[in-house]
Amino acid sequence: MLNRLFFPALAALALGLVALAMAWPQGLGDRSWGPFGHPPVQRTPEMQAAMKRETEASEQRLNQARSAVSDLQTQAISPTQ
C-alpha cells in the first residue's frame, strides 16, 4: 500500500478511536458524558447491597478461621485431657 494513503488512513483511524474513547469511556468506572452511557452497575443500590453482604460474609469467614486457629493453638499448648 502506498505510504501517502496508508499513514493518513492510520491517523484518521487513530483520531476516530480517540473520539470514540472520549464519547464512550464507561467501563466499570465513571459515567459517560452527555446522552451516552448509563450509571455504572457498581453504583446501583442493589449492587451496593450485594457488595456489602459479600464483604460482611467474607469478614465473618475470616473471623471464624482466625478463632479456629486460635482454638487449635490453645489446645496444642495446654490440652484439657
N, C-alpha and C. Protein backbone atom coordinates (compact mmCIF):
# COMPACT_ATOMS: atom_id res chain seq x y z
N MET A 1 0.85 -1.17 0.00
CA MET A 1 0.00 0.00 0.00
C MET A 1 0.90 1.24 0.00
N LEU A 2 0.48 2.24 -0.65
CA LEU A 2 1.27 3.46 -0.73
C LEU A 2 1.30 4.17 0.62
N ASN A 3 2.46 4.69 0.96
CA ASN A 3 2.60 5.38 2.24
C ASN A 3 1.74 6.62 2.32
N ARG A 4 1.53 7.29 1.18
CA ARG A 4 0.74 8.51 1.21
C ARG A 4 -0.74 8.22 1.45
N LEU A 5 -1.18 7.00 1.29
CA LEU A 5 -2.55 6.61 1.62
C LEU A 5 -2.64 5.91 2.98
N PHE A 6 -1.61 5.13 3.27
CA PHE A 6 -1.64 4.34 4.49
C PHE A 6 -1.57 5.20 5.75
N PHE A 7 -0.61 6.10 5.82
CA PHE A 7 -0.42 6.89 7.04
C PHE A 7 -1.55 7.86 7.31
N PRO A 8 -2.11 8.55 6.32
CA PRO A 8 -3.30 9.37 6.62
C PRO A 8 -4.49 8.53 7.08
N ALA A 9 -4.65 7.35 6.48
CA ALA A 9 -5.74 6.47 6.91
C ALA A 9 -5.49 5.99 8.35
N LEU A 10 -4.25 5.70 8.66
CA LEU A 10 -3.90 5.29 10.02
C LEU A 10 -4.14 6.42 11.01
N ALA A 11 -3.80 7.65 10.64
CA ALA A 11 -4.03 8.81 11.50
C ALA A 11 -5.53 9.04 11.70
N ALA A 12 -6.32 8.89 10.63
CA ALA A 12 -7.77 9.07 10.75
C ALA A 12 -8.36 7.99 11.66
N LEU A 13 -7.88 6.77 11.52
CA LEU A 13 -8.34 5.69 12.38
C LEU A 13 -7.99 5.97 13.84
N ALA A 14 -6.78 6.45 14.10
CA ALA A 14 -6.37 6.78 15.46
C ALA A 14 -7.24 7.90 16.03
N LEU A 15 -7.49 8.94 15.26
CA LEU A 15 -8.36 10.03 15.72
C LEU A 15 -9.77 9.53 15.98
N GLY A 16 -10.27 8.65 15.13
CA GLY A 16 -11.60 8.08 15.34
C GLY A 16 -11.67 7.27 16.62
N LEU A 17 -10.63 6.50 16.90
CA LEU A 17 -10.61 5.71 18.14
C LEU A 17 -10.51 6.60 19.37
N VAL A 18 -9.75 7.69 19.27
CA VAL A 18 -9.67 8.63 20.39
C VAL A 18 -11.03 9.29 20.61
N ALA A 19 -11.69 9.68 19.54
CA ALA A 19 -13.02 10.28 19.66
C ALA A 19 -14.02 9.29 20.26
N LEU A 20 -13.94 8.04 19.85
CA LEU A 20 -14.81 7.01 20.42
C LEU A 20 -14.53 6.82 21.91
N ALA A 21 -13.26 6.84 22.27
CA ALA A 21 -12.90 6.68 23.69
C ALA A 21 -13.39 7.86 24.52
N MET A 22 -13.43 9.04 23.93
CA MET A 22 -13.94 10.20 24.66
C MET A 22 -15.45 10.14 24.83
N ALA A 23 -16.14 9.58 23.87
CA ALA A 23 -17.59 9.50 23.91
C ALA A 23 -18.08 8.26 24.65
N TRP A 24 -17.23 7.27 24.83
CA TRP A 24 -17.65 6.01 25.41
C TRP A 24 -16.60 5.52 26.41
N PRO A 25 -16.28 6.31 27.45
CA PRO A 25 -15.23 5.91 28.39
C PRO A 25 -15.71 4.96 29.47
N GLN A 26 -16.97 4.61 29.44
CA GLN A 26 -17.53 3.88 30.55
C GLN A 26 -17.13 2.41 30.53
N GLY A 27 -16.53 2.00 31.58
CA GLY A 27 -16.28 0.59 31.83
C GLY A 27 -16.99 0.30 33.12
N LEU A 28 -16.24 0.03 34.14
CA LEU A 28 -16.81 -0.10 35.47
C LEU A 28 -16.61 1.18 36.27
N GLY A 29 -16.07 2.20 35.62
CA GLY A 29 -15.74 3.44 36.31
C GLY A 29 -16.81 4.50 36.18
N ASP A 30 -16.42 5.68 35.73
CA ASP A 30 -17.32 6.83 35.70
C ASP A 30 -18.32 6.75 34.55
N ARG A 31 -19.36 7.52 34.70
CA ARG A 31 -20.41 7.57 33.70
C ARG A 31 -19.95 8.39 32.50
N SER A 32 -20.36 7.99 31.32
CA SER A 32 -20.05 8.73 30.11
C SER A 32 -20.82 10.04 30.10
N TRP A 33 -20.30 11.02 29.40
CA TRP A 33 -20.94 12.33 29.35
C TRP A 33 -22.07 12.33 28.34
N GLY A 34 -22.93 13.30 28.49
CA GLY A 34 -23.99 13.53 27.52
C GLY A 34 -25.01 12.40 27.46
N PRO A 35 -25.49 12.11 26.28
CA PRO A 35 -26.52 11.08 26.14
C PRO A 35 -25.96 9.66 26.17
N PHE A 36 -24.66 9.53 26.28
CA PHE A 36 -24.04 8.21 26.25
C PHE A 36 -24.04 7.59 27.63
N GLY A 37 -23.99 6.31 27.66
CA GLY A 37 -23.76 5.59 28.89
C GLY A 37 -24.96 5.46 29.80
N HIS A 38 -24.71 4.87 30.92
CA HIS A 38 -25.70 4.63 31.97
C HIS A 38 -24.95 4.63 33.29
N PRO A 39 -25.67 4.74 34.39
CA PRO A 39 -24.96 4.69 35.69
C PRO A 39 -24.20 3.37 35.82
N PRO A 40 -22.97 3.42 36.31
CA PRO A 40 -22.20 2.19 36.47
C PRO A 40 -22.95 1.19 37.35
N VAL A 41 -22.82 -0.06 37.02
CA VAL A 41 -23.53 -1.13 37.74
C VAL A 41 -23.15 -1.13 39.21
N GLN A 42 -21.90 -0.82 39.51
CA GLN A 42 -21.44 -0.87 40.89
C GLN A 42 -22.03 0.24 41.75
N ARG A 43 -22.66 1.22 41.16
CA ARG A 43 -23.25 2.31 41.93
C ARG A 43 -24.75 2.12 42.15
N THR A 44 -25.33 1.07 41.63
CA THR A 44 -26.76 0.84 41.85
C THR A 44 -26.96 0.34 43.28
N PRO A 45 -28.11 0.66 43.88
CA PRO A 45 -28.35 0.22 45.27
C PRO A 45 -28.31 -1.30 45.43
N GLU A 46 -28.80 -2.02 44.44
CA GLU A 46 -28.78 -3.48 44.54
C GLU A 46 -27.36 -4.01 44.59
N MET A 47 -26.49 -3.48 43.73
CA MET A 47 -25.11 -3.94 43.70
C MET A 47 -24.37 -3.49 44.96
N GLN A 48 -24.67 -2.29 45.46
CA GLN A 48 -24.05 -1.84 46.70
C GLN A 48 -24.41 -2.77 47.85
N ALA A 49 -25.69 -3.17 47.91
CA ALA A 49 -26.13 -4.08 48.97
C ALA A 49 -25.47 -5.45 48.81
N ALA A 50 -25.35 -5.92 47.58
CA ALA A 50 -24.72 -7.23 47.34
C ALA A 50 -23.24 -7.18 47.72
N MET A 51 -22.57 -6.10 47.39
CA MET A 51 -21.15 -5.98 47.74
C MET A 51 -20.98 -5.90 49.25
N LYS A 52 -21.90 -5.21 49.93
CA LYS A 52 -21.83 -5.12 51.39
C LYS A 52 -22.05 -6.49 52.03
N ARG A 53 -23.05 -7.26 51.52
CA ARG A 53 -23.29 -8.61 52.05
C ARG A 53 -22.07 -9.49 51.82
N GLU A 54 -21.46 -9.39 50.65
CA GLU A 54 -20.29 -10.21 50.34
C GLU A 54 -19.13 -9.85 51.27
N THR A 55 -18.93 -8.58 51.53
CA THR A 55 -17.86 -8.14 52.42
C THR A 55 -18.10 -8.64 53.84
N GLU A 56 -19.33 -8.51 54.31
CA GLU A 56 -19.64 -8.98 55.68
C GLU A 56 -19.46 -10.48 55.79
N ALA A 57 -19.89 -11.23 54.78
CA ALA A 57 -19.72 -12.69 54.82
C ALA A 57 -18.24 -13.05 54.80
N SER A 58 -17.46 -12.34 54.01
CA SER A 58 -16.03 -12.61 53.95
C SER A 58 -15.36 -12.31 55.29
N GLU A 59 -15.74 -11.20 55.91
CA GLU A 59 -15.19 -10.87 57.23
C GLU A 59 -15.58 -11.91 58.28
N GLN A 60 -16.82 -12.40 58.19
CA GLN A 60 -17.27 -13.42 59.15
C GLN A 60 -16.47 -14.71 58.96
N ARG A 61 -16.26 -15.13 57.71
CA ARG A 61 -15.46 -16.34 57.46
C ARG A 61 -14.03 -16.16 57.96
N LEU A 62 -13.48 -14.98 57.75
CA LEU A 62 -12.11 -14.70 58.21
C LEU A 62 -12.03 -14.76 59.73
N ASN A 63 -13.00 -14.18 60.41
CA ASN A 63 -13.00 -14.22 61.87
C ASN A 63 -13.19 -15.64 62.39
N GLN A 64 -14.02 -16.44 61.73
CA GLN A 64 -14.20 -17.83 62.14
C GLN A 64 -12.90 -18.61 61.95
N ALA A 65 -12.21 -18.36 60.86
CA ALA A 65 -10.95 -19.07 60.62
C ALA A 65 -9.91 -18.66 61.65
N ARG A 66 -9.85 -17.38 61.99
CA ARG A 66 -8.89 -16.93 63.00
C ARG A 66 -9.20 -17.53 64.36
N SER A 67 -10.48 -17.60 64.72
CA SER A 67 -10.82 -18.18 66.02
C SER A 67 -10.54 -19.68 66.04
N ALA A 68 -10.75 -20.35 64.91
CA ALA A 68 -10.44 -21.79 64.85
C ALA A 68 -8.95 -22.03 65.02
N VAL A 69 -8.14 -21.21 64.37
CA VAL A 69 -6.69 -21.36 64.52
C VAL A 69 -6.28 -21.05 65.95
N SER A 70 -6.87 -20.03 66.54
CA SER A 70 -6.56 -19.68 67.92
C SER A 70 -6.94 -20.82 68.86
N ASP A 71 -8.11 -21.43 68.64
CA ASP A 71 -8.53 -22.56 69.47
C ASP A 71 -7.58 -23.73 69.33
N LEU A 72 -7.16 -24.02 68.11
CA LEU A 72 -6.22 -25.12 67.89
C LEU A 72 -4.88 -24.84 68.56
N GLN A 73 -4.41 -23.61 68.49
CA GLN A 73 -3.16 -23.27 69.15
C GLN A 73 -3.30 -23.38 70.67
N THR A 74 -4.42 -22.98 71.21
CA THR A 74 -4.64 -23.07 72.65
C THR A 74 -4.68 -24.54 73.08
N GLN A 75 -5.33 -25.39 72.29
CA GLN A 75 -5.39 -26.82 72.62
C GLN A 75 -4.03 -27.45 72.49
N ALA A 76 -3.20 -27.01 71.57
CA ALA A 76 -1.87 -27.57 71.40
C ALA A 76 -0.97 -27.19 72.56
N ILE A 77 -1.15 -25.99 73.10
CA ILE A 77 -0.30 -25.52 74.20
C ILE A 77 -0.72 -26.17 75.52
N SER A 78 -2.02 -26.20 75.79
CA SER A 78 -2.49 -26.76 77.06
C SER A 78 -3.69 -27.65 76.80
N PRO A 79 -3.45 -28.91 76.45
CA PRO A 79 -4.57 -29.84 76.22
C PRO A 79 -5.35 -30.07 77.51
N THR A 80 -6.65 -30.28 77.38
CA THR A 80 -7.51 -30.45 78.54
C THR A 80 -7.92 -31.90 78.73
N GLN A 81 -7.04 -32.80 78.51
CA GLN A 81 -7.39 -34.21 78.67
C GLN A 81 -6.79 -34.78 79.91
